[in-house]
Amino acid sequence: DCYIYYAVSRALLTRADIDNIEILRTDKGHYWNMVNYGEGWYHFDTTPRSAGGDFCLVTDSYLEAYNAKHHSHFWDKSLYPATPLE
């Protein structure tokens, strides 16, 4: 369940004093985090995927490219900080 992965990650990130926010997919079907470790906000999704993929500190463009193939991560970009370009 992605909510458990999101919530445990949030608790650990918060305990480690790493800024993080919740991202909720626009259809409310998936949760993940964004983290700011001092050089900008990045996506951080610890939910395992049958299709594979690494989502630790990835950019909007990386996640959008993955989403184009797997339809897994779509979010209202106006509600969240933009990631750096790389």
PDB file of N, CA and C in Angstrom:
ATOM      1  N   ASP A   1       0.851  -1.162   0.000  1.00  0.00           N
ATOM      2  CA  ASP A   1       0.000   0.000   0.000  1.00  0.00           C
ATOM      3  C   ASP A   1       0.900   1.230   0.000  1.00  0.00           C
ATOM      4  N   CYS A   2       0.750   2.061  -1.013  1.00  0.00           N
ATOM      5  CA  CYS A   2       1.629   3.219  -1.173  1.00  0.00           C
ATOM      6  C   CYS A   2       1.521   4.210  -0.010  1.00  0.00           C
ATOM      7  N   TYR A   3       0.352   4.280   0.634  1.00  0.00           N
ATOM      8  CA  TYR A   3       0.219   5.213   1.749  1.00  0.00           C
ATOM      9  C   TYR A   3       1.159   4.837   2.888  1.00  0.00           C
ATOM     10  N   ILE A   4       1.306   3.549   3.155  1.00  0.00           N
ATOM     11  CA  ILE A   4       2.217   3.099   4.220  1.00  0.00           C
ATOM     12  C   ILE A   4       3.654   3.470   3.867  1.00  0.00           C
ATOM     13  N   TYR A   5       4.068   3.218   2.621  1.00  0.00           N
ATOM     14  CA  TYR A   5       5.420   3.588   2.196  1.00  0.00           C
ATOM     15  C   TYR A   5       5.634   5.095   2.324  1.00  0.00           C
ATOM     16  N   TYR A   6       4.654   5.870   1.873  1.00  0.00           N
ATOM     17  CA  TYR A   6       4.734   7.321   1.994  1.00  0.00           C
ATOM     18  C   TYR A   6       4.847   7.739   3.465  1.00  0.00           C
ATOM     19  N   ALA A   7       3.961   7.216   4.320  1.00  0.00           N
ATOM     20  CA  ALA A   7       3.893   7.652   5.717  1.00  0.00           C
ATOM     21  C   ALA A   7       5.148   7.263   6.497  1.00  0.00           C
ATOM     22  N   VAL A   8       5.666   6.067   6.281  1.00  0.00           N
ATOM     23  CA  VAL A   8       6.893   5.653   6.973  1.00  0.00           C
ATOM     24  C   VAL A   8       8.062   6.519   6.496  1.00  0.00           C
ATOM     25  N   SER A   9       8.122   6.768   5.193  1.00  0.00           N
ATOM     26  CA  SER A   9       9.175   7.648   4.661  1.00  0.00           C
ATOM     27  C   SER A   9       9.073   9.034   5.266  1.00  0.00           C
ATOM     28  N   ARG A  10       7.854   9.541   5.336  1.00  0.00           N
ATOM     29  CA  ARG A  10       7.654  10.885   5.907  1.00  0.00           C
ATOM     30  C   ARG A  10       8.126  10.932   7.354  1.00  0.00           C
ATOM     31  N   ALA A  11       7.785   9.916   8.131  1.00  0.00           N
ATOM     32  CA  ALA A  11       8.206   9.877   9.536  1.00  0.00           C
ATOM     33  C   ALA A  11       9.731   9.843   9.660  1.00  0.00           C
ATOM     34  N   LEU A  12      10.377   9.009   8.850  1.00  0.00           N
ATOM     35  CA  LEU A  12      11.840   8.910   8.906  1.00  0.00           C
ATOM     36  C   LEU A  12      12.509  10.193   8.416  1.00  0.00           C
ATOM     37  N   LEU A  13      12.006  10.758   7.328  1.00  0.00           N
ATOM     38  CA  LEU A  13      12.569  12.002   6.813  1.00  0.00           C
ATOM     39  C   LEU A  13      12.403  13.137   7.819  1.00  0.00           C
ATOM     40  N   THR A  14      11.228  13.224   8.429  1.00  0.00           N
ATOM     41  CA  THR A  14      10.965  14.258   9.420  1.00  0.00           C
ATOM     42  C   THR A  14      11.884  14.085  10.626  1.00  0.00           C
ATOM     43  N   ARG A  15      12.043  12.846  11.071  1.00  0.00           N
ATOM     44  CA  ARG A  15      12.920  12.548  12.222  1.00  0.00           C
ATOM     45  C   ARG A  15      14.367  12.927  11.902  1.00  0.00           C
ATOM     46  N   ALA A  16      14.758  12.758  10.632  1.00  0.00           N
ATOM     47  CA  ALA A  16      16.110  13.117  10.207  1.00  0.00           C
ATOM     48  C   ALA A  16      16.238  14.611   9.898  1.00  0.00           C
ATOM     49  N   ASP A  17      15.170  15.360  10.141  1.00  0.00           N
ATOM     50  CA  ASP A  17      15.136  16.803   9.929  1.00  0.00           C
ATOM     51  C   ASP A  17      15.321  17.184   8.456  1.00  0.00           C
ATOM     52  N   ILE A  18      14.743  16.368   7.569  1.00  0.00           N
ATOM     53  CA  ILE A  18      14.763  16.645   6.134  1.00  0.00           C
ATOM     54  C   ILE A  18      13.385  17.152   5.738  1.00  0.00           C
ATOM     55  N   ASP A  19      13.338  18.356   5.173  1.00  0.00           N
ATOM     56  CA  ASP A  19      12.062  18.923   4.730  1.00  0.00           C
ATOM     57  C   ASP A  19      11.405  17.985   3.727  1.00  0.00           C
ATOM     58  N   ASN A  20      10.120  17.715   3.926  1.00  0.00           N
ATOM     59  CA  ASN A  20       9.396  16.849   3.000  1.00  0.00           C
ATOM     60  C   ASN A  20       7.926  17.213   3.006  1.00  0.00           C
ATOM     61  N   ILE A  21       7.286  16.935   1.871  1.00  0.00           N
ATOM     62  CA  ILE A  21       5.858  17.180   1.743  1.00  0.00           C
ATOM     63  C   ILE A  21       5.197  15.981   1.073  1.00  0.00           C
ATOM     64  N   GLU A  22       3.928  15.860   1.305  1.00  0.00           N
ATOM     65  CA  GLU A  22       3.121  14.793   0.699  1.00  0.00           C
ATOM     66  C   GLU A  22       2.703  15.202  -0.707  1.00  0.00           C
ATOM     67  N   ILE A  23       2.769  14.249  -1.621  1.00  0.00           N
ATOM     68  CA  ILE A  23       2.183  14.439  -2.954  1.00  0.00           C
ATOM     69  C   ILE A  23       1.071  13.408  -3.084  1.00  0.00           C
ATOM     70  N   LEU A  24      -0.057  13.862  -3.529  1.00  0.00           N
ATOM     71  CA  LEU A  24      -1.200  12.984  -3.768  1.00  0.00           C
ATOM     72  C   LEU A  24      -1.542  13.061  -5.247  1.00  0.00           C
ATOM     73  N   ARG A  25      -1.534  11.883  -5.892  1.00  0.00           N
ATOM     74  CA  ARG A  25      -1.875  11.837  -7.312  1.00  0.00           C
ATOM     75  C   ARG A  25      -3.251  12.460  -7.523  1.00  0.00           C
ATOM     76  N   THR A  26      -3.463  13.089  -8.653  1.00  0.00           N
ATOM     77  CA  THR A  26      -4.698  13.848  -8.871  1.00  0.00           C
ATOM     78  C   THR A  26      -5.953  12.997  -8.736  1.00  0.00           C
ATOM     79  N   ASP A  27      -5.875  11.706  -9.010  1.00  0.00           N
ATOM     80  CA  ASP A  27      -7.053  10.853  -8.819  1.00  0.00           C
ATOM     81  C   ASP A  27      -7.083  10.215  -7.429  1.00  0.00           C
ATOM     82  N   LYS A  28      -6.170  10.667  -6.563  1.00  0.00           N
ATOM     83  CA  LYS A  28      -6.061  10.201  -5.180  1.00  0.00           C
ATOM     84  C   LYS A  28      -5.698   8.718  -5.081  1.00  0.00           C
ATOM     85  N   GLY A  29      -5.079   8.179  -6.131  1.00  0.00           N
ATOM     86  CA  GLY A  29      -4.741   6.768  -6.167  1.00  0.00           C
ATOM     87  C   GLY A  29      -3.309   6.434  -5.798  1.00  0.00           C
ATOM     88  N   HIS A  30      -2.492   7.435  -5.448  1.00  0.00           N
ATOM     89  CA  HIS A  30      -1.101   7.160  -5.088  1.00  0.00           C
ATOM     90  C   HIS A  30      -0.541   8.316  -4.271  1.00  0.00           C
ATOM     91  N   TYR A  31       0.297   7.970  -3.296  1.00  0.00           N
ATOM     92  CA  TYR A  31       0.979   8.941  -2.442  1.00  0.00           C
ATOM     93  C   TYR A  31       2.484   8.775  -2.603  1.00  0.00           C
ATOM     94  N   TRP A  32       3.212   9.883  -2.539  1.00  0.00           N
ATOM     95  CA  TRP A  32       4.661   9.838  -2.434  1.00  0.00           C
ATOM     96  C   TRP A  32       5.135  11.152  -1.834  1.00  0.00           C
ATOM     97  N   ASN A  33       6.415  11.287  -1.621  1.00  0.00           N
ATOM     98  CA  ASN A  33       6.983  12.459  -0.969  1.00  0.00           C
ATOM     99  C   ASN A  33       7.758  13.305  -1.968  1.00  0.00           C
ATOM    100  N   MET A  34       7.926  14.568  -1.592  1.00  0.00           N
ATOM    101  CA  MET A  34       8.954  15.419  -2.182  1.00  0.00           C
ATOM    102  C   MET A  34       9.858  15.809  -1.028  1.00  0.00           C
ATOM    103  N   VAL A  35      11.155  15.878  -1.304  1.00  0.00           N
ATOM    104  CA  VAL A  35      12.111  16.237  -0.263  1.00  0.00           C
ATOM    105  C   VAL A  35      12.965  17.409  -0.730  1.00  0.00           C
ATOM    106  N   ASN A  36      13.361  18.213   0.232  1.00  0.00           N
ATOM    107  CA  ASN A  36      14.283  19.314  -0.021  1.00  0.00           C
ATOM    108  C   ASN A  36      15.471  19.095   0.891  1.00  0.00           C
ATOM    109  N   TYR A  37      16.558  18.688   0.309  1.00  0.00           N
ATOM    110  CA  TYR A  37      17.751  18.467   1.127  1.00  0.00           C
ATOM    111  C   TYR A  37      18.756  19.600   0.972  1.00  0.00           C
ATOM    112  N   GLY A  38      18.254  20.775   0.581  1.00  0.00           N
ATOM    113  CA  GLY A  38      19.085  21.965   0.549  1.00  0.00           C
ATOM    114  C   GLY A  38      19.411  22.474  -0.842  1.00  0.00           C
ATOM    115  N   GLU A  39      19.190  21.670  -1.872  1.00  0.00           N
ATOM    116  CA  GLU A  39      19.496  22.092  -3.236  1.00  0.00           C
ATOM    117  C   GLU A  39      18.263  22.073  -4.118  1.00  0.00           C
ATOM    118  N   GLY A  40      17.093  22.114  -3.518  1.00  0.00           N
ATOM    119  CA  GLY A  40      15.837  22.095  -4.259  1.00  0.00           C
ATOM    120  C   GLY A  40      15.004  20.878  -3.916  1.00  0.00           C
ATOM    121  N   TRP A  41      13.781  20.901  -4.368  1.00  0.00           N
ATOM    122  CA  TRP A  41      12.831  19.827  -4.105  1.00  0.00           C
ATOM    123  C   TRP A  41      12.946  18.744  -5.171  1.00  0.00           C
ATOM    124  N   TYR A  42      12.871  17.478  -4.722  1.00  0.00           N
ATOM    125  CA  TYR A  42      12.913  16.321  -5.611  1.00  0.00           C
ATOM    126  C   TYR A  42      11.849  15.320  -5.185  1.00  0.00           C
ATOM    127  N   HIS A  43      11.399  14.512  -6.113  1.00  0.00           N
ATOM    128  CA  HIS A  43      10.451  13.441  -5.819  1.00  0.00           C
ATOM    129  C   HIS A  43      11.171  12.289  -5.127  1.00  0.00           C
ATOM    130  N   PHE A  44      10.465  11.683  -4.183  1.00  0.00           N
ATOM    131  CA  PHE A  44      11.014  10.580  -3.400  1.00  0.00           C
ATOM    132  C   PHE A  44       9.875   9.593  -3.179  1.00  0.00           C
ATOM    133  N   ASP A  45       9.851   8.530  -3.967  1.00  0.00           N
ATOM    134  CA  ASP A  45       8.771   7.542  -3.898  1.00  0.00           C
ATOM    135  C   ASP A  45       9.378   6.178  -3.590  1.00  0.00           C
ATOM    136  N   THR A  46       9.077   5.663  -2.412  1.00  0.00           N
ATOM    137  CA  THR A  46       9.664   4.394  -1.966  1.00  0.00           C
ATOM    138  C   THR A  46       8.783   3.185  -2.266  1.00  0.00           C
ATOM    139  N   THR A  47       7.634   3.398  -2.882  1.00  0.00           N
ATOM    140  CA  THR A  47       6.736   2.290  -3.195  1.00  0.00           C
ATOM    141  C   THR A  47       7.363   1.405  -4.272  1.00  0.00           C
ATOM    142  N   PRO A  48       7.511   0.095  -4.004  1.00  0.00           N
ATOM    143  CA  PRO A  48       8.047  -0.804  -5.033  1.00  0.00           C
ATOM    144  C   PRO A  48       7.107  -0.864  -6.238  1.00  0.00           C
ATOM    145  N   ARG A  49       7.670  -1.043  -7.403  1.00  0.00           N
ATOM    146  CA  ARG A  49       6.897  -1.080  -8.648  1.00  0.00           C
ATOM    147  C   ARG A  49       7.193  -2.370  -9.393  1.00  0.00           C
ATOM    148  N   SER A  50       6.153  -3.035  -9.865  1.00  0.00           N
ATOM    149  CA  SER A  50       6.355  -4.250 -10.653  1.00  0.00           C
ATOM    150  C   SER A  50       7.059  -3.929 -11.971  1.00  0.00           C
ATOM    151  N   ALA A  51       6.883  -2.711 -12.479  1.00  0.00           N
ATOM    152  CA  ALA A  51       7.535  -2.296 -13.721  1.00  0.00           C
ATOM    153  C   ALA A  51       8.964  -1.802 -13.476  1.00  0.00           C
ATOM    154  N   GLY A  52       9.375  -1.768 -12.218  1.00  0.00           N
ATOM    155  CA  GLY A  52      10.702  -1.272 -11.881  1.00  0.00           C
ATOM    156  C   GLY A  52      10.740   0.238 -11.851  1.00  0.00           C
ATOM    157  N   GLY A  53      11.925   0.753 -11.660  1.00  0.00           N
ATOM    158  CA  GLY A  53      12.104   2.198 -11.610  1.00  0.00           C
ATOM    159  C   GLY A  53      12.708   2.628 -10.292  1.00  0.00           C
ATOM    160  N   ASP A  54      13.502   3.672 -10.353  1.00  0.00           N
ATOM    161  CA  ASP A  54      14.150   4.243  -9.176  1.00  0.00           C
ATOM    162  C   ASP A  54      13.632   5.660  -9.008  1.00  0.00           C
ATOM    163  N   PHE A  55      13.066   5.956  -7.854  1.00  0.00           N
ATOM    164  CA  PHE A  55      12.422   7.250  -7.637  1.00  0.00           C
ATOM    165  C   PHE A  55      12.991   7.987  -6.431  1.00  0.00           C
ATOM    166  N   CYS A  56      14.271   7.850  -6.218  1.00  0.00           N
ATOM    167  CA  CYS A  56      14.934   8.533  -5.111  1.00  0.00           C
ATOM    168  C   CYS A  56      15.580   9.799  -5.642  1.00  0.00           C
ATOM    169  N   LEU A  57      15.035  10.936  -5.255  1.00  0.00           N
ATOM    170  CA  LEU A  57      15.545  12.241  -5.656  1.00  0.00           C
ATOM    171  C   LEU A  57      15.528  12.418  -7.168  1.00  0.00           C
ATOM    172  N   VAL A  58      14.337  12.297  -7.749  1.00  0.00           N
ATOM    173  CA  VAL A  58      14.192  12.467  -9.193  1.00  0.00           C
ATOM    174  C   VAL A  58      13.447  13.766  -9.499  1.00  0.00           C
ATOM    175  N   THR A  59      13.659  14.249 -10.702  1.00  0.00           N
ATOM    176  CA  THR A  59      13.067  15.513 -11.145  1.00  0.00           C
ATOM    177  C   THR A  59      11.656  15.300 -11.695  1.00  0.00           C
ATOM    178  N   ASP A  60      10.970  16.424 -11.882  1.00  0.00           N
ATOM    179  CA  ASP A  60       9.654  16.384 -12.522  1.00  0.00           C
ATOM    180  C   ASP A  60       9.757  15.717 -13.895  1.00  0.00           C
ATOM    181  N   SER A  61      10.749  16.113 -14.678  1.00  0.00           N
ATOM    182  CA  SER A  61      10.856  15.578 -16.036  1.00  0.00           C
ATOM    183  C   SER A  61      11.121  14.075 -16.036  1.00  0.00           C
ATOM    184  N   TYR A  62      11.918  13.579 -15.099  1.00  0.00           N
ATOM    185  CA  TYR A  62      12.154  12.135 -14.986  1.00  0.00           C
ATOM    186  C   TYR A  62      10.843  11.414 -14.698  1.00  0.00           C
ATOM    187  N   LEU A  63      10.099  11.933 -13.724  1.00  0.00           N
ATOM    188  CA  LEU A  63       8.848  11.291 -13.330  1.00  0.00           C
ATOM    189  C   LEU A  63       7.796  11.402 -14.433  1.00  0.00           C
ATOM    190  N   GLU A  64       7.771  12.509 -15.139  1.00  0.00           N
ATOM    191  CA  GLU A  64       6.838  12.664 -16.256  1.00  0.00           C
ATOM    192  C   GLU A  64       7.146  11.669 -17.378  1.00  0.00           C
ATOM    193  N   ALA A  65       8.424  11.414 -17.646  1.00  0.00           N
ATOM    194  CA  ALA A  65       8.805  10.442 -18.681  1.00  0.00           C
ATOM    195  C   ALA A  65       8.380   9.033 -18.264  1.00  0.00           C
ATOM    196  N   TYR A  66       8.566   8.700 -16.998  1.00  0.00           N
ATOM    197  CA  TYR A  66       8.128   7.393 -16.504  1.00  0.00           C
ATOM    198  C   TYR A  66       6.604   7.297 -16.585  1.00  0.00           C
ATOM    199  N   ASN A  67       5.933   8.346 -16.185  1.00  0.00           N
ATOM    200  CA  ASN A  67       4.470   8.369 -16.199  1.00  0.00           C
ATOM    201  C   ASN A  67       3.908   8.210 -17.610  1.00  0.00           C
ATOM    202  N   ALA A  68       4.591   8.744 -18.607  1.00  0.00           N
ATOM    203  CA  ALA A  68       4.116   8.630 -19.990  1.00  0.00           C
ATOM    204  C   ALA A  68       3.998   7.166 -20.419  1.00  0.00           C
ATOM    205  N   LYS A  69       4.840   6.319 -19.847  1.00  0.00           N
ATOM    206  CA  LYS A  69       4.810   4.889 -20.187  1.00  0.00           C
ATOM    207  C   LYS A  69       3.935   4.075 -19.239  1.00  0.00           C
ATOM    208  N   HIS A  70       3.893   4.465 -17.962  1.00  0.00           N
ATOM    209  CA  HIS A  70       3.260   3.616 -16.939  1.00  0.00           C
ATOM    210  C   HIS A  70       2.009   4.214 -16.296  1.00  0.00           C
ATOM    211  N   HIS A  71       1.729   5.471 -16.549  1.00  0.00           N
ATOM    212  CA  HIS A  71       0.529   6.133 -15.998  1.00  0.00           C
ATOM    213  C   HIS A  71       0.420   5.958 -14.483  1.00  0.00           C
ATOM    214  N   SER A  72       1.508   6.252 -13.804  1.00  0.00           N
ATOM    215  CA  SER A  72       1.573   6.022 -12.362  1.00  0.00           C
ATOM    216  C   SER A  72       1.672   7.297 -11.533  1.00  0.00           C
ATOM    217  N   HIS A  73       2.247   8.344 -12.085  1.00  0.00           N
ATOM    218  CA  HIS A  73       2.497   9.568 -11.328  1.00  0.00           C
ATOM    219  C   HIS A  73       1.965  10.764 -12.117  1.00  0.00           C
ATOM    220  N   PHE A  74       0.801  11.246 -11.734  1.00  0.00           N
ATOM    221  CA  PHE A  74       0.302  12.490 -12.296  1.00  0.00           C
ATOM    222  C   PHE A  74      -0.212  13.315 -11.136  1.00  0.00           C
ATOM    223  N   TRP A  75       0.191  14.585 -11.135  1.00  0.00           N
ATOM    224  CA  TRP A  75      -0.105  15.453 -10.006  1.00  0.00           C
ATOM    225  C   TRP A  75      -0.337  16.863 -10.511  1.00  0.00           C
ATOM    226  N   ASP A  76      -1.003  17.649  -9.705  1.00  0.00           N
ATOM    227  CA  ASP A  76      -1.264  19.049 -10.041  1.00  0.00           C
ATOM    228  C   ASP A  76      -0.002  19.844  -9.725  1.00  0.00           C
ATOM    229  N   LYS A  77       0.773  20.130 -10.733  1.00  0.00           N
ATOM    230  CA  LYS A  77       2.072  20.787 -10.546  1.00  0.00           C
ATOM    231  C   LYS A  77       1.956  22.174  -9.923  1.00  0.00           C
ATOM    232  N   SER A  78       0.789  22.783 -10.011  1.00  0.00           N
ATOM    233  CA  SER A  78       0.617  24.117  -9.410  1.00  0.00           C
ATOM    234  C   SER A  78       0.584  24.052  -7.888  1.00  0.00           C
ATOM    235  N   LEU A  79       0.396  22.873  -7.326  1.00  0.00           N
ATOM    236  CA  LEU A  79       0.313  22.726  -5.867  1.00  0.00           C
ATOM    237  C   LEU A  79       1.638  22.417  -5.205  1.00  0.00           C
ATOM    238  N   TYR A  80       2.676  22.124  -6.004  1.00  0.00           N
ATOM    239  CA  TYR A  80       3.941  21.646  -5.455  1.00  0.00           C
ATOM    240  C   TYR A  80       5.110  22.418  -6.051  1.00  0.00           C
ATOM    241  N   PRO A  81       6.233  22.456  -5.328  1.00  0.00           N
ATOM    242  CA  PRO A  81       7.393  23.147  -5.888  1.00  0.00           C
ATOM    243  C   PRO A  81       7.927  22.409  -7.113  1.00  0.00           C
ATOM    244  N   ALA A  82       8.439  23.160  -8.066  1.00  0.00           N
ATOM    245  CA  ALA A  82       9.081  22.565  -9.243  1.00  0.00           C
ATOM    246  C   ALA A  82      10.455  22.050  -8.837  1.00  0.00           C
ATOM    247  N   THR A  83      10.878  20.983  -9.469  1.00  0.00           N
ATOM    248  CA  THR A  83      12.209  20.442  -9.199  1.00  0.00           C
ATOM    249  C   THR A  83      13.238  21.172 -10.068  1.00  0.00           C
ATOM    250  N   PRO A  84      14.520  21.062  -9.700  1.00  0.00           N
ATOM    251  CA  PRO A  84      15.550  21.565 -10.615  1.00  0.00           C
ATOM    252  C   PRO A  84      15.460  20.818 -11.946  1.00  0.00           C
ATOM    253  N   LEU A  85      16.087  21.335 -12.976  1.00  0.00           N
ATOM    254  CA  LEU A  85      16.025  20.711 -14.287  1.00  0.00           C
ATOM    255  C   LEU A  85      16.812  19.400 -14.344  1.00  0.00           C
ATOM    256  N   GLU A  86      17.828  19.252 -13.520  1.00  0.00           N
ATOM    257  CA  GLU A  86      18.617  18.014 -13.497  1.00  0.00           C
ATOM    258  C   GLU A  86      18.672  17.448 -12.111  1.00  0.00           C
TER     259      GLU A  86
END
